Structures are given as structure tokens and as C-alpha cells.
PDB file of all heavy atoms in Angstrom:
ATOM      1  N   TYR A   1     -16.841   6.538  10.267  1.00  0.00           N
ATOM      2  CA  TYR A   1     -16.813   5.189   9.712  1.00  0.00           C
ATOM      3  C   TYR A   1     -15.425   4.567   9.829  1.00  0.00           C
ATOM      4  O   TYR A   1     -15.295   3.364  10.235  1.00  0.00           O
ATOM      5  CB  TYR A   1     -17.213   5.268   8.209  1.00  0.00           C
ATOM      6  CG  TYR A   1     -18.667   5.250   7.923  1.00  0.00           C
ATOM      7  CD1 TYR A   1     -19.278   6.445   7.528  1.00  0.00           C
ATOM      8  CD2 TYR A   1     -19.439   4.106   8.098  1.00  0.00           C
ATOM      9  CE1 TYR A   1     -20.678   6.515   7.285  1.00  0.00           C
ATOM     10  CE2 TYR A   1     -20.798   4.107   7.864  1.00  0.00           C
ATOM     11  CZ  TYR A   1     -21.446   5.304   7.477  1.00  0.00           C
ATOM     12  OH  TYR A   1     -22.791   5.289   7.184  1.00  0.00           O
ATOM     13  N   TYR A   2     -14.372   5.338   9.480  1.00  0.00           N
ATOM     14  CA  TYR A   2     -12.989   4.743   9.577  1.00  0.00           C
ATOM     15  C   TYR A   2     -12.581   4.510  11.001  1.00  0.00           C
ATOM     16  O   TYR A   2     -11.971   3.493  11.286  1.00  0.00           O
ATOM     17  CB  TYR A   2     -12.048   5.722   8.835  1.00  0.00           C
ATOM     18  CG  TYR A   2     -11.998   5.441   7.367  1.00  0.00           C
ATOM     19  CD1 TYR A   2     -12.813   6.099   6.445  1.00  0.00           C
ATOM     20  CD2 TYR A   2     -11.099   4.434   6.804  1.00  0.00           C
ATOM     21  CE1 TYR A   2     -12.682   5.832   5.104  1.00  0.00           C
ATOM     22  CE2 TYR A   2     -11.073   4.217   5.470  1.00  0.00           C
ATOM     23  CZ  TYR A   2     -11.866   4.925   4.610  1.00  0.00           C
ATOM     24  OH  TYR A   2     -11.805   4.695   3.266  1.00  0.00           O
ATOM     25  N   ASP A   3     -12.949   5.438  11.885  1.00  0.00           N
ATOM     26  CA  ASP A   3     -12.616   5.192  13.352  1.00  0.00           C
ATOM     27  C   ASP A   3     -13.199   3.867  13.838  1.00  0.00           C
ATOM     28  O   ASP A   3     -12.578   3.142  14.523  1.00  0.00           O
ATOM     29  CB  ASP A   3     -13.091   6.420  14.155  1.00  0.00           C
ATOM     30  CG  ASP A   3     -12.346   7.674  13.778  1.00  0.00           C
ATOM     31  OD1 ASP A   3     -11.164   7.647  13.546  1.00  0.00           O
ATOM     32  OD2 ASP A   3     -12.955   8.753  13.815  1.00  0.00           O
ATOM     33  N   ARG A   4     -14.499   3.739  13.518  1.00  0.00           N
ATOM     34  CA  ARG A   4     -15.176   2.478  14.039  1.00  0.00           C
ATOM     35  C   ARG A   4     -14.552   1.231  13.374  1.00  0.00           C
ATOM     36  O   ARG A   4     -14.409   0.237  14.010  1.00  0.00           O
ATOM     37  CB  ARG A   4     -16.711   2.608  13.756  1.00  0.00           C
ATOM     38  CG  ARG A   4     -17.453   3.482  14.686  1.00  0.00           C
ATOM     39  CD  ARG A   4     -18.970   3.325  14.544  1.00  0.00           C
ATOM     40  NE  ARG A   4     -19.425   3.712  13.173  1.00  0.00           N
ATOM     41  CZ  ARG A   4     -19.843   4.970  12.847  1.00  0.00           C
ATOM     42  NH1 ARG A   4     -19.862   5.960  13.853  1.00  0.00           N
ATOM     43  NH2 ARG A   4     -20.248   5.259  11.667  1.00  0.00           N
ATOM     44  N   THR A   5     -14.272   1.361  12.119  1.00  0.00           N
ATOM     45  CA  THR A   5     -13.689   0.161  11.397  1.00  0.00           C
ATOM     46  C   THR A   5     -12.358  -0.186  11.902  1.00  0.00           C
ATOM     47  O   THR A   5     -12.082  -1.333  12.179  1.00  0.00           O
ATOM     48  CB  THR A   5     -13.706   0.498   9.876  1.00  0.00           C
ATOM     49  OG1 THR A   5     -14.957   0.835   9.373  1.00  0.00           O
ATOM     50  CG2 THR A   5     -13.077  -0.691   9.100  1.00  0.00           C
ATOM     51  N   VAL A   6     -11.536   0.785  12.068  1.00  0.00           N
ATOM     52  CA  VAL A   6     -10.183   0.501  12.628  1.00  0.00           C
ATOM     53  C   VAL A   6     -10.269  -0.078  14.003  1.00  0.00           C
ATOM     54  O   VAL A   6      -9.574  -1.036  14.401  1.00  0.00           O
ATOM     55  CB  VAL A   6      -9.307   1.806  12.579  1.00  0.00           C
ATOM     56  CG1 VAL A   6      -7.962   1.502  13.288  1.00  0.00           C
ATOM     57  CG2 VAL A   6      -9.003   2.166  11.109  1.00  0.00           C
ATOM     58  N   ALA A   7     -11.120   0.479  14.883  1.00  0.00           N
ATOM     59  CA  ALA A   7     -11.288  -0.012  16.190  1.00  0.00           C
ATOM     60  C   ALA A   7     -11.742  -1.456  16.161  1.00  0.00           C
ATOM     61  O   ALA A   7     -11.328  -2.278  16.982  1.00  0.00           O
ATOM     62  CB  ALA A   7     -12.268   0.885  16.962  1.00  0.00           C
ATOM     63  N   ALA A   8     -12.642  -1.779  15.275  1.00  0.00           N
ATOM     64  CA  ALA A   8     -13.128  -3.156  15.163  1.00  0.00           C
ATOM     65  C   ALA A   8     -12.075  -4.108  14.727  1.00  0.00           C
ATOM     66  O   ALA A   8     -11.907  -5.230  15.196  1.00  0.00           O
ATOM     67  CB  ALA A   8     -14.361  -3.257  14.248  1.00  0.00           C
ATOM     68  N   LEU A   9     -11.256  -3.672  13.755  1.00  0.00           N
ATOM     69  CA  LEU A   9     -10.147  -4.514  13.322  1.00  0.00           C
ATOM     70  C   LEU A   9      -9.149  -4.792  14.454  1.00  0.00           C
ATOM     71  O   LEU A   9      -8.714  -5.914  14.613  1.00  0.00           O
ATOM     72  CB  LEU A   9      -9.460  -3.852  12.092  1.00  0.00           C
ATOM     73  CG  LEU A   9     -10.197  -3.778  10.792  1.00  0.00           C
ATOM     74  CD1 LEU A   9      -9.463  -2.965   9.754  1.00  0.00           C
ATOM     75  CD2 LEU A   9     -10.246  -5.259  10.196  1.00  0.00           C
ATOM     76  N   ARG A  10      -8.809  -3.726  15.189  1.00  0.00           N
ATOM     77  CA  ARG A  10      -7.905  -3.919  16.304  1.00  0.00           C
ATOM     78  C   ARG A  10      -8.532  -4.807  17.387  1.00  0.00           C
ATOM     79  O   ARG A  10      -7.780  -5.635  17.972  1.00  0.00           O
ATOM     80  CB  ARG A  10      -7.552  -2.547  16.861  1.00  0.00           C
ATOM     81  CG  ARG A  10      -6.630  -1.788  15.866  1.00  0.00           C
ATOM     82  CD  ARG A  10      -6.306  -0.341  16.367  1.00  0.00           C
ATOM     83  NE  ARG A  10      -5.335   0.255  15.405  1.00  0.00           N
ATOM     84  CZ  ARG A  10      -4.950   1.556  15.543  1.00  0.00           C
ATOM     85  NH1 ARG A  10      -5.465   2.279  16.508  1.00  0.00           N
ATOM     86  NH2 ARG A  10      -4.079   2.015  14.660  1.00  0.00           N
ATOM     87  N   ALA A  11      -9.795  -4.687  17.636  1.00  0.00           N
ATOM     88  CA  ALA A  11     -10.439  -5.525  18.634  1.00  0.00           C
ATOM     89  C   ALA A  11     -10.410  -6.986  18.208  1.00  0.00           C
ATOM     90  O   ALA A  11     -10.407  -7.903  19.052  1.00  0.00           O
ATOM     91  CB  ALA A  11     -11.875  -5.047  18.849  1.00  0.00           C
ATOM     92  N   ALA A  12     -10.380  -7.223  16.877  1.00  0.00           N
ATOM     93  CA  ALA A  12     -10.287  -8.560  16.359  1.00  0.00           C
ATOM     94  C   ALA A  12      -8.898  -9.167  16.199  1.00  0.00           C
ATOM     95  O   ALA A  12      -8.672 -10.247  15.710  1.00  0.00           O
ATOM     96  CB  ALA A  12     -10.976  -8.662  14.983  1.00  0.00           C
ATOM     97  N   GLY A  13      -7.927  -8.346  16.738  1.00  0.00           N
ATOM     98  CA  GLY A  13      -6.581  -8.838  16.734  1.00  0.00           C
ATOM     99  C   GLY A  13      -5.712  -8.388  15.562  1.00  0.00           C
ATOM    100  O   GLY A  13      -4.595  -8.826  15.409  1.00  0.00           O
ATOM    101  N   HIS A  14      -6.200  -7.482  14.683  1.00  0.00           N
ATOM    102  CA  HIS A  14      -5.552  -7.056  13.534  1.00  0.00           C
ATOM    103  C   HIS A  14      -4.916  -5.642  13.890  1.00  0.00           C
ATOM    104  O   HIS A  14      -5.367  -4.984  14.768  1.00  0.00           O
ATOM    105  CB  HIS A  14      -6.409  -6.943  12.383  1.00  0.00           C
ATOM    106  CG  HIS A  14      -7.079  -8.187  11.995  1.00  0.00           C
ATOM    107  ND1 HIS A  14      -6.454  -9.278  11.556  1.00  0.00           N
ATOM    108  CD2 HIS A  14      -8.435  -8.466  12.048  1.00  0.00           C
ATOM    109  CE1 HIS A  14      -7.319 -10.224  11.343  1.00  0.00           C
ATOM    110  NE2 HIS A  14      -8.465  -9.816  11.602  1.00  0.00           N
ATOM    111  N   ALA A  15      -3.813  -5.276  13.222  1.00  0.00           N
ATOM    112  CA  ALA A  15      -3.191  -3.993  13.487  1.00  0.00           C
ATOM    113  C   ALA A  15      -2.816  -3.293  12.236  1.00  0.00           C
ATOM    114  O   ALA A  15      -1.656  -3.140  11.889  1.00  0.00           O
ATOM    115  CB  ALA A  15      -1.938  -4.251  14.304  1.00  0.00           C
ATOM    116  N   PRO A  16      -3.849  -2.840  11.410  1.00  0.00           N
ATOM    117  CA  PRO A  16      -3.529  -2.142  10.184  1.00  0.00           C
ATOM    118  C   PRO A  16      -2.789  -0.796  10.468  1.00  0.00           C
ATOM    119  O   PRO A  16      -3.175  -0.143  11.388  1.00  0.00           O
ATOM    120  CB  PRO A  16      -4.895  -1.947   9.604  1.00  0.00           C
ATOM    121  CG  PRO A  16      -5.889  -1.959  10.744  1.00  0.00           C
ATOM    122  CD  PRO A  16      -5.289  -2.911  11.707  1.00  0.00           C
ATOM    123  N   LEU A  17      -1.813  -0.532   9.638  1.00  0.00           N
ATOM    124  CA  LEU A  17      -1.141   0.735   9.724  1.00  0.00           C
ATOM    125  C   LEU A  17      -1.941   1.791   8.980  1.00  0.00           C
ATOM    126  O   LEU A  17      -2.650   1.394   7.989  1.00  0.00           O
ATOM    127  CB  LEU A  17       0.273   0.647   9.168  1.00  0.00           C
ATOM    128  CG  LEU A  17       1.207  -0.287  10.018  1.00  0.00           C
ATOM    129  CD1 LEU A  17       2.476  -0.560   9.249  1.00  0.00           C
ATOM    130  CD2 LEU A  17       1.485   0.298  11.397  1.00  0.00           C
ATOM    131  N   LEU A  18      -1.928   3.041   9.336  1.00  0.00           N
ATOM    132  CA  LEU A  18      -2.739   4.028   8.785  1.00  0.00           C
ATOM    133  C   LEU A  18      -1.900   5.131   8.137  1.00  0.00           C
ATOM    134  O   LEU A  18      -1.058   5.734   8.841  1.00  0.00           O
ATOM    135  CB  LEU A  18      -3.676   4.641   9.873  1.00  0.00           C
ATOM    136  CG  LEU A  18      -4.400   3.614  10.735  1.00  0.00           C
ATOM    137  CD1 LEU A  18      -5.245   4.309  11.800  1.00  0.00           C
ATOM    138  CD2 LEU A  18      -5.370   2.710   9.854  1.00  0.00           C
ATOM    139  N   MET A  19      -2.195   5.438   6.881  1.00  0.00           N
ATOM    140  CA  MET A  19      -1.491   6.559   6.166  1.00  0.00           C
ATOM    141  C   MET A  19      -2.528   7.494   5.655  1.00  0.00           C
ATOM    142  O   MET A  19      -3.343   7.138   4.746  1.00  0.00           O
ATOM    143  CB  MET A  19      -0.687   5.933   5.025  1.00  0.00           C
ATOM    144  CG  MET A  19       0.022   6.989   4.188  1.00  0.00           C
ATOM    145  SD  MET A  19       0.928   6.292   2.729  1.00  0.00           S
ATOM    146  CE  MET A  19       2.306   5.442   3.545  1.00  0.00           C
ATOM    147  N   GLY A  20      -2.482   8.747   6.159  1.00  0.00           N
ATOM    148  CA  GLY A  20      -3.393   9.750   5.610  1.00  0.00           C
ATOM    149  C   GLY A  20      -2.802  10.411   4.412  1.00  0.00           C
ATOM    150  O   GLY A  20      -1.546  10.665   4.334  1.00  0.00           O
ATOM    151  N   LEU A  21      -3.625  10.730   3.368  1.00  0.00           N
ATOM    152  CA  LEU A  21      -3.195  11.400   2.209  1.00  0.00           C
ATOM    153  C   LEU A  21      -3.903  12.760   2.123  1.00  0.00           C
ATOM    154  O   LEU A  21      -5.163  12.775   2.249  1.00  0.00           O
ATOM    155  CB  LEU A  21      -3.474  10.580   0.967  1.00  0.00           C
ATOM    156  CG  LEU A  21      -2.998   9.118   0.879  1.00  0.00           C
ATOM    157  CD1 LEU A  21      -3.352   8.484  -0.380  1.00  0.00           C
ATOM    158  CD2 LEU A  21      -1.506   9.109   1.110  1.00  0.00           C
ATOM    159  N   ALA A  22      -3.246  13.857   1.921  1.00  0.00           N
ATOM    160  CA  ALA A  22      -3.867  15.126   1.904  1.00  0.00           C
ATOM    161  C   ALA A  22      -2.975  16.169   1.100  1.00  0.00           C
ATOM    162  O   ALA A  22      -1.782  15.922   0.950  1.00  0.00           O
ATOM    163  CB  ALA A  22      -4.058  15.578   3.279  1.00  0.00           C
ATOM    164  N   PHE A  23      -3.650  17.188   0.657  1.00  0.00           N
ATOM    165  CA  PHE A  23      -2.920  18.353   0.191  1.00  0.00           C
ATOM    166  C   PHE A  23      -2.384  19.155   1.354  1.00  0.00           C
ATOM    167  O   PHE A  23      -3.032  19.172   2.461  1.00  0.00           O
ATOM    168  CB  PHE A  23      -3.823  19.247  -0.659  1.00  0.00           C
ATOM    169  CG  PHE A  23      -4.504  18.592  -1.876  1.00  0.00           C
ATOM    170  CD1 PHE A  23      -5.820  18.318  -1.885  1.00  0.00           C
ATOM    171  CD2 PHE A  23      -3.748  18.241  -2.921  1.00  0.00           C
ATOM    172  CE1 PHE A  23      -6.439  17.711  -2.944  1.00  0.00           C
ATOM    173  CE2 PHE A  23      -4.299  17.609  -4.060  1.00  0.00           C
ATOM    174  CZ  PHE A  23      -5.699  17.349  -4.051  1.00  0.00           C
ATOM    175  N   ALA A  24      -1.285  19.757   1.159  1.00  0.00           N
ATOM    176  CA  ALA A  24      -0.629  20.516   2.224  1.00  0.00           C
ATOM    177  C   ALA A  24      -1.533  21.597   2.820  1.00  0.00           C
ATOM    178  O   ALA A  24      -1.569  21.834   4.039  1.00  0.00           O
ATOM    179  CB  ALA A  24       0.714  21.078   1.783  1.00  0.00           C
ATOM    180  N   VAL A  25      -2.426  22.180   1.991  1.00  0.00           N
ATOM    181  CA  VAL A  25      -3.294  23.285   2.415  1.00  0.00           C
ATOM    182  C   VAL A  25      -4.389  22.698   3.386  1.00  0.00           C
ATOM    183  O   VAL A  25      -5.092  23.501   3.998  1.00  0.00           O
ATOM    184  CB  VAL A  25      -3.998  23.982   1.229  1.00  0.00           C
ATOM    185  CG1 VAL A  25      -3.006  24.698   0.404  1.00  0.00           C
ATOM    186  CG2 VAL A  25      -4.827  22.962   0.433  1.00  0.00           C
ATOM    187  N   GLN A  26      -4.475  21.418   3.541  1.00  0.00           N
ATOM    188  CA  GLN A  26      -5.453  20.894   4.441  1.00  0.00           C
ATOM    189  C   GLN A  26      -5.013  20.813   5.924  1.00  0.00           C
ATOM    190  O   GLN A  26      -5.789  20.439   6.816  1.00  0.00           O
ATOM    191  CB  GLN A  26      -5.925  19.472   4.005  1.00  0.00           C
ATOM    192  CG  GLN A  26      -6.689  19.442   2.739  1.00  0.00           C
ATOM    193  CD  GLN A  26      -6.962  18.037   2.265  1.00  0.00           C
ATOM    194  OE1 GLN A  26      -6.484  17.588   1.251  1.00  0.00           O
ATOM    195  NE2 GLN A  26      -7.788  17.308   3.034  1.00  0.00           N
ATOM    196  N   GLU A  27      -3.745  21.242   6.161  1.00  0.00           N
ATOM    197  CA  GLU A  27      -3.296  21.281   7.537  1.00  0.00           C
ATOM    198  C   GLU A  27      -4.032  22.319   8.354  1.00  0.00           C
ATOM    199  O   GLU A  27      -4.336  23.465   7.778  1.00  0.00           O
ATOM    200  CB  GLU A  27      -1.782  21.588   7.617  1.00  0.00           C
ATOM    201  CG  GLU A  27      -1.199  21.580   8.956  1.00  0.00           C
ATOM    202  CD  GLU A  27       0.270  21.719   9.021  1.00  0.00           C
ATOM    203  OE1 GLU A  27       0.945  21.715   7.912  1.00  0.00           O
ATOM    204  OE2 GLU A  27       0.825  21.937  10.128  1.00  0.00           O
ATOM    205  N   VAL A  28      -4.407  21.971   9.566  1.00  0.00           N
ATOM    206  CA  VAL A  28      -5.095  22.891  10.407  1.00  0.00           C
ATOM    207  C   VAL A  28      -4.377  22.993  11.793  1.00  0.00           C
ATOM    208  O   VAL A  28      -3.435  22.281  12.028  1.00  0.00           O
ATOM    209  CB  VAL A  28      -6.597  22.398  10.688  1.00  0.00           C
ATOM    210  CG1 VAL A  28      -7.323  22.265   9.345  1.00  0.00           C
ATOM    211  CG2 VAL A  28      -6.609  21.093  11.440  1.00  0.00           C
ATOM    212  N   ALA A  29      -4.812  23.962  12.611  1.00  0.00           N
ATOM    213  CA  ALA A  29      -4.301  24.010  13.981  1.00  0.00           C
ATOM    214  C   ALA A  29      -4.710  22.758  14.674  1.00  0.00           C
ATOM    215  O   ALA A  29      -5.440  21.890  14.155  1.00  0.00           O
ATOM    216  CB  ALA A  29      -4.892  25.266  14.654  1.00  0.00           C
ATOM    217  N   ALA A  30      -4.232  22.568  15.903  1.00  0.00           N
ATOM    218  CA  ALA A  30      -4.449  21.332  16.659  1.00  0.00           C
ATOM    219  C   ALA A  30      -5.895  20.904  16.664  1.00  0.00           C
ATOM    220  O   ALA A  30      -6.794  21.701  17.001  1.00  0.00           O
ATOM    221  CB  ALA A  30      -3.977  21.565  18.062  1.00  0.00           C
ATOM    222  N   ILE A  31      -6.129  19.680  16.300  1.00  0.00           N
ATOM    223  CA  ILE A  31      -7.448  19.078  16.276  1.00  0.00           C
ATOM    224  C   ILE A  31      -7.717  18.490  17.609  1.00  0.00           C
ATOM    225  O   ILE A  31      -6.958  17.707  18.111  1.00  0.00           O
ATOM    226  CB  ILE A  31      -7.515  17.988  15.201  1.00  0.00           C
ATOM    227  CG1 ILE A  31      -7.251  18.560  13.779  1.00  0.00           C
ATOM    228  CG2 ILE A  31      -8.935  17.268  15.266  1.00  0.00           C
ATOM    229  CD1 ILE A  31      -7.150  17.499  12.706  1.00  0.00           C
ATOM    230  N   PRO A  32      -8.879  18.950  18.235  1.00  0.00           N
ATOM    231  CA  PRO A  32      -9.179  18.369  19.590  1.00  0.00           C
ATOM    232  C   PRO A  32      -9.436  16.846  19.478  1.00  0.00           C
ATOM    233  O   PRO A  32     -10.186  16.450  18.609  1.00  0.00           O
ATOM    234  CB  PRO A  32     -10.464  19.094  19.989  1.00  0.00           C
ATOM    235  CG  PRO A  32     -10.969  19.744  18.774  1.00  0.00           C
ATOM    236  CD  PRO A  32      -9.841  19.929  17.829  1.00  0.00           C
ATOM    237  N   ALA A  33      -8.839  16.102  20.339  1.00  0.00           N
ATOM    238  CA  ALA A  33      -8.901  14.645  20.293  1.00  0.00           C
ATOM    239  C   ALA A  33     -10.163  14.155  21.146  1.00  0.00           C
ATOM    240  O   ALA A  33     -10.416  14.720  22.177  1.00  0.00           O
ATOM    241  CB  ALA A  33      -7.655  13.958  20.787  1.00  0.00           C
ATOM    242  N   GLU A  34     -10.875  13.133  20.557  1.00  0.00           N
ATOM    243  CA  GLU A  34     -11.916  12.452  21.325  1.00  0.00           C
ATOM    244  C   GLU A  34     -11.491  10.993  21.495  1.00  0.00           C
ATOM    245  O   GLU A  34     -10.683  10.504  20.821  1.00  0.00           O
ATOM    246  CB  GLU A  34     -13.242  12.636  20.594  1.00  0.00           C
ATOM    247  CG  GLU A  34     -13.666  14.057  20.468  1.00  0.00           C
ATOM    248  CD  GLU A  34     -15.056  14.240  19.744  1.00  0.00           C
ATOM    249  OE1 GLU A  34     -14.996  14.305  18.511  1.00  0.00           O
ATOM    250  OE2 GLU A  34     -16.075  14.188  20.429  1.00  0.00           O
ATOM    251  N   GLY A  35     -12.243  10.307  22.318  1.00  0.00           N
ATOM    252  CA  GLY A  35     -11.859   8.977  22.671  1.00  0.00           C
ATOM    253  C   GLY A  35     -11.904   8.048  21.469  1.00  0.00           C
ATOM    254  O   GLY A  35     -11.112   7.074  21.428  1.00  0.00           O
ATOM    255  N   HIS A  36     -12.752   8.279  20.514  1.00  0.00           N
ATOM    256  CA  HIS A  36     -12.892   7.333  19.365  1.00  0.00           C
ATOM    257  C   HIS A  36     -11.922   7.698  18.289  1.00  0.00           C
ATOM    258  O   HIS A  36     -11.795   6.932  17.285  1.00  0.00           O
ATOM    259  CB  HIS A  36     -14.345   7.373  18.822  1.00  0.00           C
ATOM    260  CG  HIS A  36     -14.768   8.736  18.223  1.00  0.00           C
ATOM    261  ND1 HIS A  36     -15.388   9.661  19.042  1.00  0.00           N
ATOM    262  CD2 HIS A  36     -14.531   9.254  17.040  1.00  0.00           C
ATOM    263  CE1 HIS A  36     -15.630  10.666  18.274  1.00  0.00           C
ATOM    264  NE2 HIS A  36     -15.130  10.487  17.041  1.00  0.00           N
ATOM    265  N   ASP A  37     -11.219   8.835  18.378  1.00  0.00           N
ATOM    266  CA  ASP A  37     -10.345   9.246  17.242  1.00  0.00           C
ATOM    267  C   ASP A  37      -9.128   8.272  17.186  1.00  0.00           C
ATOM    268  O   ASP A  37      -8.524   7.936  18.203  1.00  0.00           O
ATOM    269  CB  ASP A  37      -9.888  10.684  17.440  1.00  0.00           C
ATOM    270  CG  ASP A  37     -10.962  11.692  17.266  1.00  0.00           C
ATOM    271  OD1 ASP A  37     -11.892  11.411  16.552  1.00  0.00           O
ATOM    272  OD2 ASP A  37     -10.921  12.806  17.856  1.00  0.00           O
ATOM    273  N   VAL A  38      -8.748   7.964  15.958  1.00  0.00           N
ATOM    274  CA  VAL A  38      -7.626   7.054  15.716  1.00  0.00           C
ATOM    275  C   VAL A  38      -6.496   7.895  15.055  1.00  0.00           C
ATOM    276  O   VAL A  38      -6.646   8.380  13.966  1.00  0.00           O
ATOM    277  CB  VAL A  38      -8.012   5.873  14.783  1.00  0.00           C
ATOM    278  CG1 VAL A  38      -6.850   5.003  14.507  1.00  0.00           C
ATOM    279  CG2 VAL A  38      -9.157   5.062  15.399  1.00  0.00           C
TER     280      VAL A  38
END
């Protein structure tokens, strides 16, 4: 949902900055990237 939403905002000429919030224990090894990932 967020990936599609951010992509749509950017396509419409907006450039929202993105800040992720998490507990430190949520860190994982490298996440494989896909084309839609933001």
C-alpha cells in the first residue's frame, strides 16, 4: 500500500520524504529489492 501510494504521489509531482520508525530488534539482514520497493 505504501509503495503504491508513494509512487503515485511522485508521479503526480510530489516528493514526500520518508522516515521509517522501528525498534532496533527489527533490523534484518539485507532485504532483497524489487522494482516497486521505495
